[in-house]
Amino acid sequence: MKILLPPSESKRPGGDDAALDLGALALPRLRPQREAVVDALVALSADRDAARRVLKLSARQLGDIDANRMLRTAPTMPAVDRYTGVLYDALGADALGEAARRWLGAHVLIHSAPLGPIGALDPIPAYRLAAGTSLPGIPPLRRFWADAVTASLAEAAFVLDLRSEAYVALGPVPASVPSAYVRVVTASGRALNHFNKRSKGELVRSLAGDPPPAGSGLDELIAWGAAHGWTLRPEPGSGGVVDLVIPG
């Protein structure tokens, strides 16, 4: 099983690990795309006015330009610790035990805009780049990443997709790979935005703490959920959408 998570706009600064090593990240076949996007982002950040305009930054976000300029030299930390916000606060990876963190490293990919999907424990620097940004010198990110990311996921046995639609567009799961796209809803089927990220973070935390058997697919995941207080309900005729049902 591979779990795809979205990134977060908010990130912890700093880090204690060595500088970014693109050759050491998960899904190594994506290295050419990673090199191109990182180069474009570093080059853009040499011009503060252009970077502010392209990245749509407010005055209080101008420090993110410096972070982008130092992408190749800044200290790093594991991706799952770098990201903050509702989903990652609910996941609480920094408070998990060693075995649970190892499970995250083996099973969770976080889909970043500059690096594509990366392993949960892959060390990354702070950065600022959204999925919808168009960087000078390369095609729009959706067109630039989609085929390469889709191909990189082709060997997965089963994918649980917790990404937002913007990041799905940067790399749809191949049609040949069994997958489930998770939507957070109430028992009546009403989609929930407020609890969406929090519920997804809590689900991944629960999975890491007491994982389903190795090689599990959707049926095993649904059974695991029933035993752990999670209701996962496939939507008939939806083409792989699974509702994560929460009270409300």
Protein backbone atom coordinates (compact mmCIF):
# COMPACT_ATOMS: atom_id res chain seq x y z
CA MET A 1 0.00 0.00 0.00
CA LYS A 2 1.10 3.51 -0.81
CA ILE A 3 -0.67 6.51 0.73
CA LEU A 4 -0.52 9.83 -1.11
CA LEU A 5 -0.80 12.97 1.02
CA PRO A 6 -0.96 16.60 -0.05
CA PRO A 7 1.72 18.98 1.25
CA SER A 8 0.98 22.02 3.39
CA GLU A 9 1.62 25.67 2.68
CA SER A 10 2.89 26.09 6.25
CA LYS A 11 6.24 24.55 7.17
CA ARG A 12 8.66 24.42 10.07
CA PRO A 13 11.81 26.45 9.46
CA GLY A 14 15.37 25.24 9.89
CA GLY A 15 16.49 21.65 10.19
CA ASP A 16 19.39 19.56 11.47
CA ASP A 17 20.02 17.31 8.47
CA ALA A 18 22.36 17.77 5.49
CA ALA A 19 21.41 19.71 2.38
CA LEU A 20 18.92 18.39 -0.15
CA ASP A 21 20.09 15.29 -2.04
CA LEU A 22 17.78 14.81 -5.02
CA GLY A 23 19.33 11.43 -5.74
CA ALA A 24 18.28 10.07 -2.33
CA LEU A 25 14.55 10.85 -2.55
CA ALA A 26 11.81 8.26 -3.09
CA LEU A 27 10.77 7.57 -6.70
CA PRO A 28 14.26 8.29 -8.09
CA ARG A 29 13.07 8.24 -11.72
CA LEU A 30 11.65 11.71 -11.02
CA ARG A 31 15.12 13.21 -10.58
CA PRO A 32 15.22 14.99 -13.99
CA GLN A 33 11.95 16.78 -13.22
CA ARG A 34 13.12 17.61 -9.70
CA GLU A 35 16.37 19.09 -10.99
CA ALA A 36 14.50 21.26 -13.49
CA VAL A 37 11.95 22.63 -11.02
CA VAL A 38 14.52 23.27 -8.29
CA ASP A 39 16.80 25.07 -10.79
CA ALA A 40 13.87 27.20 -12.00
CA LEU A 41 12.80 28.08 -8.47
CA VAL A 42 16.33 28.99 -7.37
CA ALA A 43 16.83 31.11 -10.48
CA LEU A 44 13.52 32.91 -9.99
CA SER A 45 14.45 33.72 -6.40
CA ALA A 46 17.49 35.70 -7.53
CA ASP A 47 15.03 38.44 -8.54
CA ARG A 48 12.95 39.31 -5.48
CA ASP A 49 10.39 41.39 -7.35
CA ALA A 50 9.83 38.70 -9.96
CA ALA A 51 9.65 35.99 -7.31
CA ARG A 52 7.11 37.92 -5.28
CA ARG A 53 4.95 38.39 -8.37
CA VAL A 54 5.15 34.82 -9.67
CA LEU A 55 4.68 33.20 -6.27
CA LYS A 56 1.96 35.71 -5.26
CA LEU A 57 3.58 36.51 -1.92
CA SER A 58 2.45 39.04 0.63
CA ALA A 59 4.89 41.36 2.38
CA ARG A 60 5.11 39.03 5.39
CA GLN A 61 5.97 36.06 3.14
CA LEU A 62 9.05 37.58 1.51
CA GLY A 63 11.33 35.41 3.63
CA ASP A 64 10.12 32.46 1.54
CA ILE A 65 12.08 33.89 -1.39
CA ASP A 66 15.30 33.41 0.59
CA ALA A 67 14.23 29.85 1.45
CA ASN A 68 13.73 29.11 -2.25
CA ARG A 69 17.06 30.71 -3.17
CA MET A 70 18.81 28.35 -0.72
CA LEU A 71 16.96 25.17 -1.73
CA ARG A 72 20.16 23.31 -2.60
CA THR A 73 22.17 24.37 0.45
CA ALA A 74 19.72 24.85 3.33
CA PRO A 75 19.46 22.29 6.15
CA THR A 76 16.70 19.71 5.89
CA MET A 77 14.36 17.66 8.06
CA PRO A 78 12.04 14.71 7.30
CA ALA A 79 9.16 15.84 5.09
CA VAL A 80 6.49 14.62 7.52
CA ASP A 81 8.06 16.87 10.19
CA ARG A 82 8.63 19.80 7.85
CA TYR A 83 4.95 20.28 7.01
CA THR A 84 2.59 21.77 9.59
CA GLY A 85 -1.08 22.73 9.49
CA VAL A 86 -4.29 20.86 10.24
CA LEU A 87 -3.51 17.53 8.53
CA TYR A 88 0.05 17.24 9.84
CA ASP A 89 -0.84 18.43 13.31
CA ALA A 90 -3.50 15.69 13.44
CA LEU A 91 -1.01 13.12 12.16
CA GLY A 92 1.49 14.18 14.85
CA ALA A 93 4.40 12.27 13.37
CA ASP A 94 6.91 13.78 15.77
CA ALA A 95 5.14 12.06 18.67
CA LEU A 96 4.94 8.64 17.04
CA GLY A 97 7.18 5.76 18.05
CA GLU A 98 10.05 4.49 15.96
CA ALA A 99 8.09 1.61 14.40
CA ALA A 100 5.21 3.87 13.39
CA ARG A 101 7.61 6.36 11.80
CA ARG A 102 9.31 3.55 9.89
CA TRP A 103 5.88 2.54 8.59
CA LEU A 104 5.25 6.11 7.43
CA GLY A 105 8.60 6.08 5.66
CA ALA A 106 7.77 2.86 3.82
CA HIS A 107 4.16 3.62 2.92
CA VAL A 108 3.49 7.38 2.78
CA LEU A 109 4.35 9.73 -0.08
CA ILE A 110 3.81 13.48 0.25
CA HIS A 111 3.20 15.19 -3.07
CA SER A 112 5.21 18.41 -3.15
CA ALA A 113 5.12 20.90 -6.02
CA PRO A 114 8.91 21.28 -6.47
CA LEU A 115 9.91 17.64 -5.85
CA GLY A 116 6.89 15.54 -6.82
CA PRO A 117 5.90 12.74 -4.43
CA ILE A 118 8.57 12.23 -1.76
CA GLY A 119 8.84 9.74 1.08
CA ALA A 120 7.49 10.80 4.45
CA LEU A 121 10.98 10.55 5.95
CA ASP A 122 12.84 12.04 2.98
CA PRO A 123 14.82 15.08 4.22
CA ILE A 124 13.74 18.32 2.53
CA PRO A 125 14.36 22.05 3.06
CA ALA A 126 11.71 24.71 3.57
CA TYR A 127 10.32 26.16 0.34
CA ARG A 128 7.39 28.05 -1.15
CA LEU A 129 5.72 26.74 -4.32
CA ALA A 130 2.06 25.98 -4.93
CA ALA A 131 0.64 23.45 -7.38
CA GLY A 132 -0.88 26.13 -9.60
CA THR A 133 2.27 28.24 -10.02
CA SER A 134 3.84 28.71 -13.47
CA LEU A 135 7.62 28.99 -13.16
CA PRO A 136 9.64 30.80 -15.83
CA GLY A 137 11.49 28.41 -18.12
CA ILE A 138 9.38 25.29 -17.64
CA PRO A 139 5.80 24.34 -18.63
CA PRO A 140 2.95 24.76 -16.13
CA LEU A 141 3.51 22.31 -13.29
CA ARG A 142 0.39 20.30 -14.09
CA ARG A 143 1.67 19.57 -17.58
CA PHE A 144 5.29 19.23 -16.49
CA TRP A 145 4.73 16.69 -13.69
CA ALA A 146 1.66 14.65 -14.62
CA ASP A 147 2.99 11.97 -16.96
CA ALA A 148 6.24 11.44 -15.04
CA VAL A 149 4.49 11.11 -11.68
CA THR A 150 1.85 8.77 -13.08
CA ALA A 151 4.56 6.54 -14.53
CA SER A 152 6.46 6.55 -11.23
CA LEU A 153 3.40 5.15 -9.42
CA ALA A 154 2.85 2.31 -11.86
CA GLU A 155 4.51 -0.35 -9.70
CA ALA A 156 2.37 0.28 -6.61
CA ALA A 157 0.11 -2.60 -5.57
CA PHE A 158 -2.58 -0.32 -4.13
CA VAL A 159 -2.78 3.46 -3.65
CA LEU A 160 -4.87 5.28 -1.05
CA ASP A 161 -5.10 8.82 -2.42
CA LEU A 162 -5.67 11.52 0.21
CA ARG A 163 -4.48 14.42 -1.96
CA SER A 164 -6.42 17.53 -2.88
CA GLU A 165 -7.60 17.81 -6.48
CA ALA A 166 -4.84 20.30 -7.29
CA TYR A 167 -2.19 17.71 -6.47
CA VAL A 168 -4.04 14.85 -8.13
CA ALA A 169 -3.71 16.91 -11.32
CA LEU A 170 0.10 16.92 -10.86
CA GLY A 171 0.14 13.12 -11.15
CA PRO A 172 -3.00 10.96 -11.40
CA VAL A 173 -2.72 7.39 -10.18
CA PRO A 174 -2.38 5.09 -13.22
CA ALA A 175 -5.60 3.38 -14.27
CA SER A 176 -3.72 0.06 -14.09
CA VAL A 177 -3.10 0.45 -10.32
CA PRO A 178 -5.89 -0.39 -7.85
CA SER A 179 -6.61 2.80 -5.93
CA ALA A 180 -9.14 4.65 -3.79
CA TYR A 181 -9.61 8.41 -3.68
CA VAL A 182 -10.79 9.44 -0.22
CA ARG A 183 -13.58 11.96 0.36
CA VAL A 184 -14.54 12.97 3.91
CA VAL A 185 -18.33 12.98 4.40
CA THR A 186 -21.04 12.73 7.04
CA ALA A 187 -23.24 9.64 7.32
CA SER A 188 -25.77 11.37 5.06
CA GLY A 189 -23.13 11.84 2.39
CA ARG A 190 -22.57 15.57 2.89
CA ALA A 191 -18.99 16.51 2.05
CA LEU A 192 -17.07 18.15 4.88
CA ASN A 193 -14.42 20.75 4.25
CA HIS A 194 -13.75 21.77 7.84
CA PHE A 195 -12.90 18.25 9.05
CA ASN A 196 -11.35 17.06 5.78
CA LYS A 197 -7.67 17.59 6.56
CA ARG A 198 -7.94 16.71 10.25
CA SER A 199 -9.72 13.42 9.53
CA LYS A 200 -7.14 12.42 6.93
CA GLY A 201 -4.29 13.14 9.35
CA GLU A 202 -5.94 11.14 12.10
CA LEU A 203 -6.56 8.24 9.70
CA VAL A 204 -2.89 8.07 8.72
CA ARG A 205 -1.82 8.28 12.36
CA SER A 206 -4.10 5.34 13.14
CA LEU A 207 -2.73 3.37 10.20
CA ALA A 208 0.86 3.96 11.31
CA GLY A 209 0.10 3.00 14.90
CA ASP A 210 -1.54 -0.34 14.07
CA PRO A 211 -1.10 -1.05 10.34
CA PRO A 212 -3.18 -3.41 8.23
CA PRO A 213 -1.44 -6.57 7.00
CA ALA A 214 1.26 -6.19 4.36
CA GLY A 215 -0.12 -6.35 0.85
CA SER A 216 -3.54 -5.04 1.87
CA GLY A 217 -5.90 -3.66 -0.76
CA LEU A 218 -9.19 -1.85 -0.44
CA ASP A 219 -11.17 -4.76 1.03
CA GLU A 220 -8.57 -5.34 3.73
CA LEU A 221 -8.40 -1.60 4.42
CA ILE A 222 -12.17 -1.42 4.88
CA ALA A 223 -12.03 -4.37 7.29
CA TRP A 224 -9.12 -2.78 9.15
CA GLY A 225 -11.14 0.43 9.42
CA ALA A 226 -14.15 -1.36 10.86
CA ALA A 227 -11.93 -2.86 13.55
CA HIS A 228 -10.35 0.50 14.39
CA GLY A 229 -13.36 2.80 14.46
CA TRP A 230 -13.13 4.07 10.87
CA THR A 231 -15.96 3.80 8.35
CA LEU A 232 -14.71 3.57 4.78
CA ARG A 233 -17.53 3.29 2.25
CA PRO A 234 -16.97 2.89 -1.52
CA GLU A 235 -19.23 5.09 -3.62
CA PRO A 236 -21.05 2.90 -6.18
CA GLY A 237 -20.27 3.86 -9.75
CA SER A 238 -17.80 6.54 -8.68
CA GLY A 239 -14.72 5.11 -10.34
CA GLY A 240 -12.77 4.48 -7.15
CA VAL A 241 -14.02 7.14 -4.71
CA VAL A 242 -14.21 5.96 -1.10
CA ASP A 243 -16.06 7.96 1.55
CA LEU A 244 -14.40 8.37 4.93
CA VAL A 245 -17.54 8.73 7.04
CA ILE A 246 -17.37 10.75 10.24
CA PRO A 247 -20.15 11.79 12.64
CA GLY A 248 -21.93 15.02 11.85
